[in-house]
Structures are given as structure tokens and as C-alpha cells.
Amino acid sequence: MTSALLKSPHLPRLNAPKRHRLPNGLMIVAEQMPVEAVNLSLWLNVGSAVESNEINGMAHFLEHMVFKGTAKLQSGEFERLIEERGAVTNAATSQDYTHFYITTAPKDFAELAPFQLDVVLNPSIPDEAFERERLVVLEEIRRSDDNPRRRTYLRSMELAFEQLPYRRPVLGPTANIEQLTTQQMRDFHGRWYQPQSVTAVAVGNLPVEELIEIVAQSCESALGHSAPTHRPWEEVNPSASLPLPLEGLQFQSETPYTEVVRQELSDRTLTQARLIMVWRVPGALQLEETYGFDVLASILGQGRTSRLVQDLREDRGLVTSIFASNMTYLHQGLFYISAQLPVENVPVVEQAILDHLKALQTSIQPGEIARVRAQVANRFIFGNETPSDRASLYGYYQSVLGDLAPALHYPHCVQSLEVADLQATAQAYLSPEAYGVLVVRPE
């Protein structure tokens, strides 16, 4: 097993995670934190993006089935053991990852951690439980389809991505879920849920060496290996820190729009229109290029003093709400502006957004950057307050990018951006003449 303490001249003092790789490839990230809890998060760089169109929805369905028993645990026993000790557990699936976690009292961690590793690495996926859970997943899809906000988001993803699997819903379509088999799911789990694709993050009030030892022994127990009594803690080889390659899969980021691509829909459940505008921008694989979009999104549409909110909602009353965000997927990013507004205001609001983008390319005030810098610094601190906060931060970056440094250096990277950097980013990617636009009108 190998280990390294991440060091940097810009590393915030409140973070001191260590990384350790097991011989089987599983990466452990551990940190002691003086809070009377321990969070164990298991992150896999496996989400809906690795699915073929025919099995779209499998990763999310599997997330459900992980809790339906193993050779050692009957269905429901894991949750019972967790709840008896006052611990909590949950899971989530996205396009680029799947995430399972438990939060326990430190005294219970050694007992509960092996169960977490067992359910994730060794689910039985029994036929009877599969059929029952299929109905649960189908109901979740129906609820999603009945949600106007969710429907609008899915339509915008289909507009934004022509080829990349991010255009598909994580839950998958009903027809797929109805036809999936237990053997398909077992094959999917066997291919993707390997130790090399798992990042286990343990953060809480136990010594780092003890956290690592518990996770290592839990993994070896789940995989049927005995744990040695002594482990040398050696430095991680950076070249060995990358996540498991998604073998056989080819992802090509999509080129920016060259013209305005417009789609208009109607939705009888709406009382106001929805306006979505998107620009294709770099994703997490080009991480350094994404920081500018985070700042621009904040200047444009995050907070009451941001440009779009102040102008279109507060001053002119043209929208009920408006928001800008930089959505960073692994292989592609989206600069995303969403507004809720009276349908008659759609043309003037769309033009006003374009006018703000033009102004952004030539005029950014120092006070705006100062506001964003303060927000970034404080959000980083506020997002490090609990073991689960830190475990999520470390798990996402280590699992998706194979590196913790970008997570810890994020405030410095954002705060080092100058006006010229932001204007160049806006000029290069946020063209007022080429973008995708979705308008959903009430019937």
C-alpha cells in the first residue's frame, strides 16, 4: 500500500488529506477531523455516461440494487445495522460517477465500514428483489417526468449535446428499465465495479492510520483476502493515481455552436415560460479553462447584485427568476442561463442577456471580481465544515480526475484570475451570435 500527504504553498491549512493505494488498485483518501463523526464515502468513476443507449439507466438502477443483500447480508440488513447505531447512509448516481456513503460515530466505524464495502463490491442482485425495485425505479422516472423543472432541464440537455451521453437522462427511459435483466446488471457490475475504479474516502475523528487500516481491512474482507498485520506507508506514485480508464469508450467533446440553434416547446402545466440559453465550453478534463466560467457565471447571474438578477428581475421586473451557472462534466462543460418569466417577455429578455454578454467581454469592474473572490473563499471554508463535506470534495476530484490538488487549490486558482483573463474567456466561448436556446411556453 502507498501513501502521500498532499502539499502545496497554496494548500489551505484546514485540509490535510492523505492518499493510499491498495495493491488491488483501490484508492483510499483519509483525514482526521475533530468532529465526533466519521464519513466513509465510496466513489466510483462510473455513471450513466458509460452506458450504451440500450441499457441507459443501468447505473442508477444498480445503485438501488446494491442495498438488496450480499452473500453475508440479507436484503435490508445493511440498513438495519446502520440505523441501530444511529448512523445514516445514502447514495447518488450522476453522469460521471456513482457515490455511496455512511456517516457513523467514531466508535462504530470499524464495525460498520466492512458492511459498506461488502454491499458495494458484492451485491447479490437477486431476481425477486430486482423485480420489486424495478417498480420503484419506474415510479421515480414517472415523478421526474411529471416535474416541469426536470422536464425542461432534460430538454435543454438534448439541445446542448448532440452526441455525448450527457444528453440522456441518468434515470434512463421507461422502456429500457422495463427490459433490463438481472444478468445484464450483474455483468455491468462485474465490469465496472472493480477496486481500481473505487475511491474510498474516510474523514472523521480517528487517527489517519486507523482510518486507512479499517478501510483496507474492510476491502480485503469484502474481496475475500486476509489483511497483513503491518503496512509500510510509502509515497504514492503520481503516475499511478489516475482513475480506471473507461476501456473501449470514446468520448469526443462537441465543438462550440457556430450559429443560433433554437428549439421551442409548449407545456400545459406551466403558468410562465422558461428560457434556457447554453454555450458549449471546456469540461473537467480541461480544468484550468473552467475557472473563468465559474467567475463569469457568478458575475452574471448568482446573487441579488449580479448583473442579470439586478437588471432583469430587480430593476425592470422582466423575469420571476434568473440564474447563470457553469456546469462542468468530465468531457464537456455548459455555460447555462435559465430564466422563468412571462411569455411575452421572452424576446426582450433573450436580447438583454446577449447585451450583457457583449458588455461582459469588454467591461468587468474590479468590485465584481472582489465580490466573487470573497464568495469563493468563504464557500470553500463553509464547504469544509463536516466530515461529509470534505469526503464529498475529496471523493469527487479523486474519482473523476484522479487528483486532489485541483480541489484544494480551487480558491487560489479562481482568485488569481484578472479582468483580462475573464474577458478573453468570454470572447472565446460566449458568443452572442452562436448559442443554443430553448423556450418552453405555457399552452
Protein backbone atom coordinates (compact mmCIF):
# COMPACT_ATOMS: atom_id res chain seq x y z
CA MET A 1 0.00 0.00 0.00
CA THR A 2 1.19 3.52 -0.73
CA SER A 3 0.58 6.90 0.83
CA ALA A 4 1.24 10.62 0.32
CA LEU A 5 0.35 13.84 2.10
CA LEU A 6 -0.69 16.46 -0.43
CA LYS A 7 1.40 19.58 -0.04
CA SER A 8 1.31 22.94 -1.79
CA PRO A 9 2.25 26.53 -0.97
CA HIS A 10 -1.41 27.39 -1.58
CA LEU A 11 -2.93 24.47 0.37
CA PRO A 12 -5.44 25.77 2.94
CA ARG A 13 -4.37 24.76 6.43
CA LEU A 14 -7.73 23.25 7.26
CA ASN A 15 -7.15 20.45 4.70
CA ALA A 16 -4.57 17.71 5.19
CA PRO A 17 -5.78 14.58 3.37
CA LYS A 18 -3.54 11.58 2.76
CA ARG A 19 -3.86 9.20 -0.17
CA HIS A 20 -3.09 5.49 -0.09
CA ARG A 21 -3.43 2.96 -2.89
CA LEU A 22 -4.02 -0.72 -2.13
CA PRO A 23 -2.27 -3.37 -4.24
CA ASN A 24 -5.62 -4.17 -5.90
CA GLY A 25 -5.85 -0.55 -7.16
CA LEU A 26 -8.42 0.84 -4.72
CA MET A 27 -7.52 4.37 -3.63
CA ILE A 28 -8.02 5.45 -0.02
CA VAL A 29 -8.17 9.11 0.98
CA ALA A 30 -8.15 9.74 4.74
CA GLU A 31 -8.12 12.73 7.04
CA GLN A 32 -8.63 13.18 10.76
CA MET A 33 -11.09 15.91 11.65
CA PRO A 34 -12.02 16.91 15.22
CA VAL A 35 -15.75 16.32 14.80
CA GLU A 36 -17.40 13.38 16.56
CA ALA A 37 -18.36 11.55 13.38
CA VAL A 38 -16.72 9.59 10.60
CA ASN A 39 -17.90 9.65 6.99
CA LEU A 40 -16.96 6.83 4.64
CA SER A 41 -17.72 7.69 1.02
CA LEU A 42 -17.19 5.24 -1.81
CA TRP A 43 -16.88 6.97 -5.17
CA LEU A 44 -16.75 5.16 -8.49
CA ASN A 45 -15.86 6.92 -11.73
CA VAL A 46 -18.79 5.07 -13.27
CA GLY A 47 -22.02 6.86 -14.09
CA SER A 48 -24.63 6.89 -16.81
CA ALA A 49 -22.08 8.09 -19.37
CA VAL A 50 -20.52 4.60 -19.61
CA GLU A 51 -23.84 3.01 -20.54
CA SER A 52 -24.85 2.12 -24.06
CA ASN A 53 -28.14 3.59 -25.27
CA GLU A 54 -29.78 0.16 -24.84
CA ILE A 55 -29.04 -0.01 -21.11
CA ASN A 56 -29.30 3.71 -20.29
CA GLY A 57 -30.50 3.82 -16.67
CA MET A 58 -28.50 0.78 -15.55
CA ALA A 59 -26.04 2.67 -13.29
CA HIS A 60 -28.86 4.31 -11.34
CA PHE A 61 -30.86 1.06 -11.11
CA LEU A 62 -27.72 -0.69 -9.82
CA GLU A 63 -27.33 1.98 -7.15
CA HIS A 64 -30.71 0.81 -5.82
CA MET A 65 -29.82 -2.89 -6.04
CA VAL A 66 -26.58 -2.50 -4.13
CA PHE A 67 -28.67 -2.37 -0.94
CA LYS A 68 -30.59 -5.59 -1.65
CA GLY A 69 -28.22 -8.00 0.02
CA THR A 70 -24.94 -9.88 -0.36
CA ALA A 71 -23.80 -13.40 0.47
CA LYS A 72 -23.15 -12.11 4.02
CA LEU A 73 -26.06 -9.69 4.43
CA GLN A 74 -29.73 -10.28 3.75
CA SER A 75 -31.78 -7.65 1.96
CA GLY A 76 -32.47 -4.79 4.40
CA GLU A 77 -29.88 -5.99 6.92
CA PHE A 78 -27.35 -3.31 5.97
CA GLU A 79 -29.85 -0.54 6.64
CA ARG A 80 -30.89 -2.19 9.93
CA LEU A 81 -27.30 -2.39 11.14
CA ILE A 82 -26.73 1.25 10.18
CA GLU A 83 -29.91 2.54 11.85
CA GLU A 84 -29.38 0.54 15.06
CA ARG A 85 -26.23 2.57 15.66
CA GLY A 86 -27.78 5.91 14.76
CA ALA A 87 -25.72 6.12 11.57
CA VAL A 88 -27.01 7.30 8.19
CA THR A 89 -26.47 6.09 4.64
CA ASN A 90 -27.39 7.21 1.16
CA ALA A 91 -26.26 7.11 -2.46
CA ALA A 92 -26.43 9.07 -5.72
CA THR A 93 -25.75 8.49 -9.40
CA SER A 94 -24.70 11.11 -11.94
CA GLN A 95 -23.36 11.10 -15.46
CA ASP A 96 -19.70 10.75 -14.40
CA TYR A 97 -19.80 8.95 -11.03
CA THR A 98 -21.75 6.91 -8.51
CA HIS A 99 -21.42 7.70 -4.81
CA PHE A 100 -22.29 5.69 -1.68
CA TYR A 101 -21.73 6.88 1.89
CA ILE A 102 -22.28 6.21 5.56
CA THR A 103 -21.79 8.61 8.48
CA THR A 104 -21.18 6.97 11.86
CA ALA A 105 -19.95 7.67 15.36
CA PRO A 106 -16.17 7.08 15.52
CA LYS A 107 -16.66 4.13 17.92
CA ASP A 108 -18.85 2.34 15.34
CA PHE A 109 -16.73 2.95 12.27
CA ALA A 110 -14.64 -0.23 12.44
CA GLU A 111 -17.79 -2.33 12.73
CA LEU A 112 -19.85 -0.62 10.01
CA ALA A 113 -17.21 0.08 7.35
CA PRO A 114 -16.92 -3.59 6.26
CA PHE A 115 -20.66 -3.68 5.58
CA GLN A 116 -20.39 -0.63 3.31
CA LEU A 117 -17.59 -2.20 1.26
CA ASP A 118 -19.45 -5.52 1.11
CA VAL A 119 -22.71 -4.14 -0.26
CA VAL A 120 -20.94 -2.07 -2.94
CA LEU A 121 -18.47 -4.73 -4.10
CA ASN A 122 -20.61 -7.86 -3.65
CA PRO A 123 -24.31 -7.22 -4.32
CA SER A 124 -26.25 -10.42 -4.96
CA ILE A 125 -28.76 -8.74 -7.31
CA PRO A 126 -31.42 -11.38 -6.60
CA ASP A 127 -34.18 -11.83 -9.17
CA GLU A 128 -37.12 -11.25 -6.82
CA ALA A 129 -35.68 -8.07 -5.30
CA PHE A 130 -34.75 -6.87 -8.81
CA GLU A 131 -38.36 -7.07 -9.94
CA ARG A 132 -39.61 -5.22 -6.86
CA GLU A 133 -37.01 -2.49 -7.24
CA ARG A 134 -37.76 -2.14 -10.95
CA LEU A 135 -41.19 -0.80 -9.92
CA VAL A 136 -39.55 1.70 -7.56
CA VAL A 137 -37.25 2.98 -10.31
CA LEU A 138 -40.12 3.22 -12.79
CA GLU A 139 -42.06 5.31 -10.27
CA GLU A 140 -39.02 7.57 -9.84
CA ILE A 141 -38.95 8.08 -13.62
CA ARG A 142 -42.66 8.91 -13.64
CA ARG A 143 -42.18 11.50 -10.89
CA SER A 144 -39.31 13.01 -12.84
CA ASP A 145 -41.41 13.17 -16.00
CA ASP A 146 -44.18 14.91 -14.03
CA ASN A 147 -41.84 17.62 -12.78
CA PRO A 148 -41.86 20.68 -15.12
CA ARG A 149 -38.43 21.84 -13.97
CA ARG A 150 -36.95 18.40 -14.56
CA ARG A 151 -38.58 18.12 -17.99
CA THR A 152 -37.17 21.48 -19.03
CA TYR A 153 -33.69 20.50 -17.86
CA LEU A 154 -33.77 17.22 -19.82
CA ARG A 155 -34.90 19.01 -22.99
CA SER A 156 -32.07 21.51 -22.58
CA MET A 157 -29.54 18.66 -22.28
CA GLU A 158 -30.82 17.14 -25.51
CA LEU A 159 -30.35 20.54 -27.16
CA ALA A 160 -26.89 21.08 -25.71
CA PHE A 161 -25.38 17.69 -26.55
CA GLU A 162 -25.76 16.10 -29.95
CA GLN A 163 -23.58 13.02 -29.40
CA LEU A 164 -22.19 12.88 -25.87
CA PRO A 165 -24.12 10.65 -23.44
CA TYR A 166 -24.79 13.65 -21.18
CA ARG A 167 -27.83 14.25 -23.38
CA ARG A 168 -29.50 11.16 -21.88
CA PRO A 169 -31.33 11.07 -18.52
CA VAL A 170 -29.45 9.42 -15.67
CA LEU A 171 -32.62 7.55 -14.73
CA GLY A 172 -32.97 6.18 -18.25
CA PRO A 173 -36.21 5.81 -20.24
CA THR A 174 -39.09 3.66 -19.03
CA ALA A 175 -38.73 1.25 -21.97
CA ASN A 176 -35.13 0.45 -21.00
CA ILE A 177 -35.87 -0.17 -17.33
CA GLU A 178 -38.78 -2.44 -18.24
CA GLN A 179 -36.47 -4.66 -20.32
CA LEU A 180 -33.30 -4.82 -18.21
CA THR A 181 -32.40 -8.22 -16.76
CA THR A 182 -30.58 -9.28 -13.63
CA GLN A 183 -27.83 -10.88 -15.70
CA GLN A 184 -27.24 -7.62 -17.57
CA MET A 185 -26.90 -5.85 -14.23
CA ARG A 186 -24.54 -8.48 -12.84
CA ASP A 187 -22.41 -8.15 -15.97
CA PHE A 188 -22.42 -4.36 -15.66
CA HIS A 189 -21.39 -4.55 -12.01
CA GLY A 190 -18.69 -7.12 -12.77
CA ARG A 191 -17.18 -4.94 -15.47
CA TRP A 192 -17.27 -1.55 -13.80
CA TYR A 193 -17.32 -2.10 -10.02
CA GLN A 194 -13.71 -3.16 -9.75
CA PRO A 195 -11.33 -1.99 -6.97
CA GLN A 196 -9.37 0.11 -9.49
CA SER A 197 -12.44 2.27 -10.08
CA VAL A 198 -13.19 2.84 -6.37
CA THR A 199 -12.06 5.78 -4.26
CA ALA A 200 -12.79 5.23 -0.56
CA VAL A 201 -12.72 8.47 1.45
CA ALA A 202 -12.72 8.32 5.25
CA VAL A 203 -12.90 11.62 7.17
CA GLY A 204 -13.57 11.97 10.87
CA ASN A 205 -12.27 11.85 14.39
CA LEU A 206 -9.95 8.84 14.25
CA PRO A 207 -6.21 8.83 13.54
CA VAL A 208 -5.42 8.73 9.83
CA GLU A 209 -3.54 5.44 10.12
CA GLU A 210 -6.54 3.86 11.85
CA LEU A 211 -8.95 5.12 9.20
CA ILE A 212 -6.73 3.68 6.48
CA GLU A 213 -6.31 0.37 8.25
CA ILE A 214 -10.05 -0.06 8.78
CA VAL A 215 -10.86 0.70 5.14
CA ALA A 216 -8.06 -1.54 3.87
CA GLN A 217 -9.14 -4.48 6.01
CA SER A 218 -12.78 -3.89 5.07
CA CYS A 219 -11.89 -4.02 1.40
CA GLU A 220 -9.82 -7.16 1.78
CA SER A 221 -12.62 -8.79 3.77
CA ALA A 222 -15.14 -7.90 1.05
CA LEU A 223 -12.86 -9.33 -1.64
CA GLY A 224 -12.02 -12.45 0.37
CA HIS A 225 -8.37 -11.67 1.19
CA SER A 226 -6.65 -11.66 4.56
CA ALA A 227 -5.07 -8.42 5.76
CA PRO A 228 -1.40 -8.31 6.75
CA THR A 229 -0.68 -7.04 10.27
CA HIS A 230 1.83 -4.39 9.17
CA ARG A 231 1.72 -1.95 6.25
CA PRO A 232 4.51 0.32 5.04
CA TRP A 233 3.17 3.82 4.33
CA GLU A 234 5.06 4.87 1.23
CA GLU A 235 4.64 7.76 -1.16
CA VAL A 236 2.02 7.44 -3.88
CA ASN A 237 3.44 7.36 -7.37
CA PRO A 238 1.57 10.23 -9.13
CA SER A 239 1.50 8.29 -12.39
CA ALA A 240 -0.43 5.55 -10.59
CA SER A 241 -3.08 7.91 -9.24
CA LEU A 242 -5.34 8.07 -12.26
CA PRO A 243 -8.84 6.55 -12.18
CA LEU A 244 -9.62 3.35 -14.02
CA PRO A 245 -9.69 4.01 -17.80
CA LEU A 246 -13.12 3.59 -19.32
CA GLU A 247 -11.92 0.91 -21.69
CA GLY A 248 -13.48 0.71 -25.11
CA LEU A 249 -15.30 4.02 -24.74
CA GLN A 250 -14.58 7.01 -26.94
CA PHE A 251 -15.76 10.47 -25.88
CA GLN A 252 -15.20 13.42 -28.17
CA SER A 253 -16.09 16.85 -26.80
CA GLU A 254 -18.51 18.72 -29.03
CA THR A 255 -17.49 21.88 -30.84
CA PRO A 256 -18.96 25.25 -29.82
CA TYR A 257 -22.05 26.41 -31.65
CA THR A 258 -21.43 28.23 -34.91
CA GLU A 259 -24.96 29.66 -35.13
CA VAL A 260 -28.06 30.10 -33.03
CA VAL A 261 -29.80 26.73 -32.58
CA ARG A 262 -33.34 27.31 -31.40
CA GLN A 263 -35.99 24.96 -30.09
CA GLU A 264 -39.46 25.90 -28.86
CA LEU A 265 -41.85 23.65 -26.95
CA SER A 266 -45.14 24.02 -25.11
CA ASP A 267 -46.05 22.65 -21.69
CA ARG A 268 -49.64 22.84 -20.45
CA THR A 269 -48.55 22.52 -16.80
CA LEU A 270 -46.64 25.82 -16.84
CA THR A 271 -48.03 29.20 -15.89
CA GLN A 272 -44.90 31.07 -17.01
CA ALA A 273 -42.40 30.48 -19.79
CA ARG A 274 -38.91 29.05 -19.36
CA LEU A 275 -35.94 30.44 -21.28
CA ILE A 276 -32.72 28.39 -21.37
CA MET A 277 -29.56 29.55 -23.17
CA VAL A 278 -26.46 27.34 -23.39
CA TRP A 279 -22.91 27.61 -24.69
CA ARG A 280 -20.55 24.62 -25.04
CA VAL A 281 -17.39 25.20 -23.02
CA PRO A 282 -14.45 23.07 -21.77
CA GLY A 283 -15.12 20.30 -19.25
CA ALA A 284 -13.20 18.88 -16.30
CA LEU A 285 -10.50 17.33 -18.49
CA GLN A 286 -9.51 20.93 -19.29
CA LEU A 287 -9.98 22.04 -15.71
CA GLU A 288 -7.82 25.17 -15.78
CA GLU A 289 -10.00 26.58 -18.54
CA THR A 290 -13.17 26.16 -16.46
CA TYR A 291 -12.34 28.55 -13.62
CA GLY A 292 -13.11 31.65 -15.65
CA PHE A 293 -16.60 30.39 -16.42
CA ASP A 294 -17.29 29.93 -12.71
CA VAL A 295 -16.41 33.58 -12.12
CA LEU A 296 -18.36 34.83 -15.13
CA ALA A 297 -21.44 32.87 -14.06
CA SER A 298 -21.25 34.49 -10.64
CA ILE A 299 -20.85 37.99 -12.08
CA LEU A 300 -23.77 37.45 -14.46
CA GLY A 301 -26.36 35.53 -12.51
CA GLN A 302 -25.60 34.45 -8.93
CA GLY A 303 -26.85 36.64 -6.13
CA ARG A 304 -29.08 39.73 -5.99
CA THR A 305 -26.27 42.06 -7.03
CA SER A 306 -25.29 40.03 -10.10
CA ARG A 307 -25.88 41.72 -13.44
CA LEU A 308 -28.81 39.69 -14.78
CA VAL A 309 -30.64 39.48 -11.46
CA GLN A 310 -30.20 43.18 -10.74
CA ASP A 311 -31.23 44.34 -14.22
CA LEU A 312 -33.91 41.87 -15.32
CA ARG A 313 -35.55 41.00 -12.01
CA GLU A 314 -34.88 43.79 -9.52
CA ASP A 315 -34.83 46.86 -11.80
CA ARG A 316 -37.05 46.02 -14.77
CA GLY A 317 -39.21 43.20 -13.40
CA LEU A 318 -38.99 41.24 -16.64
CA VAL A 319 -38.31 37.84 -15.02
CA THR A 320 -39.51 36.00 -11.94
CA SER A 321 -36.11 34.37 -11.55
CA ILE A 322 -32.86 34.12 -13.49
CA PHE A 323 -29.68 32.21 -12.82
CA ALA A 324 -26.35 31.53 -14.54
CA SER A 325 -24.11 28.53 -13.88
CA ASN A 326 -21.10 26.71 -15.26
CA MET A 327 -21.93 23.01 -15.50
CA THR A 328 -18.70 21.02 -15.62
CA TYR A 329 -18.99 17.43 -16.80
CA LEU A 330 -15.86 15.38 -17.39
CA HIS A 331 -15.77 15.58 -21.19
CA GLN A 332 -17.72 18.78 -21.80
CA GLY A 333 -18.98 21.82 -19.96
CA LEU A 334 -22.02 24.03 -20.43
CA PHE A 335 -22.42 27.69 -19.62
CA TYR A 336 -26.09 27.71 -18.70
CA ILE A 337 -28.51 30.60 -18.20
CA SER A 338 -32.07 29.84 -17.09
CA ALA A 339 -34.97 32.25 -16.60
CA GLN A 340 -38.61 31.97 -15.58
CA LEU A 341 -40.70 34.78 -17.00
CA PRO A 342 -43.99 35.90 -18.58
CA VAL A 343 -44.13 34.52 -22.11
CA GLU A 344 -44.47 37.98 -23.67
CA ASN A 345 -41.10 38.96 -22.19
CA VAL A 346 -39.09 36.16 -23.81
CA PRO A 347 -37.74 38.13 -26.83
CA VAL A 348 -36.67 41.17 -24.82
CA VAL A 349 -35.06 39.06 -22.08
CA GLU A 350 -33.13 36.94 -24.59
CA GLN A 351 -31.79 40.11 -26.21
CA ALA A 352 -30.97 41.63 -22.83
CA ILE A 353 -28.92 38.54 -21.90
CA LEU A 354 -27.00 38.86 -25.16
CA ASP A 355 -26.38 42.54 -24.46
CA HIS A 356 -24.98 41.65 -21.03
CA LEU A 357 -22.68 39.07 -22.60
CA LYS A 358 -21.35 41.68 -25.04
CA ALA A 359 -20.74 44.07 -22.16
CA LEU A 360 -19.01 41.34 -20.19
CA GLN A 361 -16.47 40.88 -22.98
CA THR A 362 -15.26 44.45 -22.67
CA SER A 363 -16.19 45.70 -19.20
CA ILE A 364 -15.72 43.94 -15.86
CA GLN A 365 -15.47 46.04 -12.73
CA PRO A 366 -12.86 45.32 -10.02
CA GLY A 367 -15.65 45.32 -7.43
CA GLU A 368 -17.37 42.45 -9.22
CA ILE A 369 -14.23 40.32 -9.13
CA ALA A 370 -13.66 41.21 -5.47
CA ARG A 371 -17.19 40.02 -4.65
CA VAL A 372 -16.62 36.70 -6.40
CA ARG A 373 -13.23 36.20 -4.77
CA ALA A 374 -14.79 36.67 -1.34
CA GLN A 375 -17.62 34.27 -2.20
CA VAL A 376 -15.22 31.60 -3.42
CA ALA A 377 -13.02 31.80 -0.34
CA ASN A 378 -15.98 31.63 2.04
CA ARG A 379 -17.77 28.85 0.14
CA PHE A 380 -14.62 26.75 0.32
CA ILE A 381 -14.46 27.22 4.09
CA PHE A 382 -18.20 26.65 4.57
CA GLY A 383 -17.97 23.54 2.38
CA ASN A 384 -15.31 22.03 4.66
CA GLU A 385 -17.19 22.14 7.94
CA THR A 386 -18.29 18.50 8.26
CA PRO A 387 -16.72 15.11 7.53
CA SER A 388 -19.27 14.51 4.78
CA ASP A 389 -18.44 17.87 3.17
CA ARG A 390 -14.76 17.03 2.96
CA ALA A 391 -15.34 13.42 1.93
CA SER A 392 -17.51 14.64 -0.96
CA LEU A 393 -14.88 17.18 -2.03
CA TYR A 394 -12.06 14.63 -2.00
CA GLY A 395 -14.14 11.83 -3.46
CA TYR A 396 -15.34 13.78 -6.47
CA TYR A 397 -11.93 15.07 -7.52
CA GLN A 398 -10.01 11.87 -6.83
CA SER A 399 -12.59 9.67 -8.53
CA VAL A 400 -13.37 11.80 -11.57
CA LEU A 401 -9.95 13.40 -12.15
CA GLY A 402 -7.57 11.13 -10.25
CA ASP A 403 -6.14 14.09 -8.34
CA LEU A 404 -6.96 16.02 -5.16
CA ALA A 405 -4.81 19.06 -5.86
CA PRO A 406 -7.40 20.89 -8.02
CA ALA A 407 -9.97 20.68 -5.23
CA LEU A 408 -7.62 22.14 -2.66
CA HIS A 409 -6.18 24.80 -4.96
CA TYR A 410 -9.54 25.94 -6.36
CA PRO A 411 -9.80 29.17 -4.31
CA HIS A 412 -6.28 30.23 -5.32
CA CYS A 413 -6.94 29.45 -9.00
CA VAL A 414 -10.13 31.49 -9.06
CA GLN A 415 -8.70 34.37 -7.05
CA SER A 416 -5.70 34.65 -9.37
CA LEU A 417 -7.89 35.45 -12.39
CA GLU A 418 -7.68 39.03 -13.62
CA VAL A 419 -10.06 41.14 -15.72
CA ALA A 420 -8.16 40.39 -18.93
CA ASP A 421 -8.39 36.63 -18.30
CA LEU A 422 -12.14 36.77 -17.81
CA GLN A 423 -12.73 38.96 -20.86
CA ALA A 424 -10.65 36.62 -23.02
CA THR A 425 -12.69 33.64 -21.80
CA ALA A 426 -15.97 35.40 -22.56
CA GLN A 427 -14.77 36.46 -26.01
CA ALA A 428 -13.55 32.98 -26.89
CA TYR A 429 -16.60 30.95 -25.79
CA LEU A 430 -19.67 33.09 -25.01
CA SER A 431 -20.62 34.38 -28.42
CA PRO A 432 -23.83 36.43 -28.68
CA GLU A 433 -24.17 35.13 -32.25
CA ALA A 434 -23.83 31.39 -31.61
CA TYR A 435 -25.59 29.50 -28.81
CA GLY A 436 -28.41 27.06 -28.08
CA VAL A 437 -31.75 28.39 -26.88
CA LEU A 438 -34.76 26.51 -25.56
CA VAL A 439 -38.08 28.28 -25.00
CA VAL A 440 -40.86 26.38 -23.23
CA ARG A 441 -44.18 28.18 -23.41
CA PRO A 442 -47.33 27.52 -21.39
CA GLU A 443 -50.20 26.29 -23.55
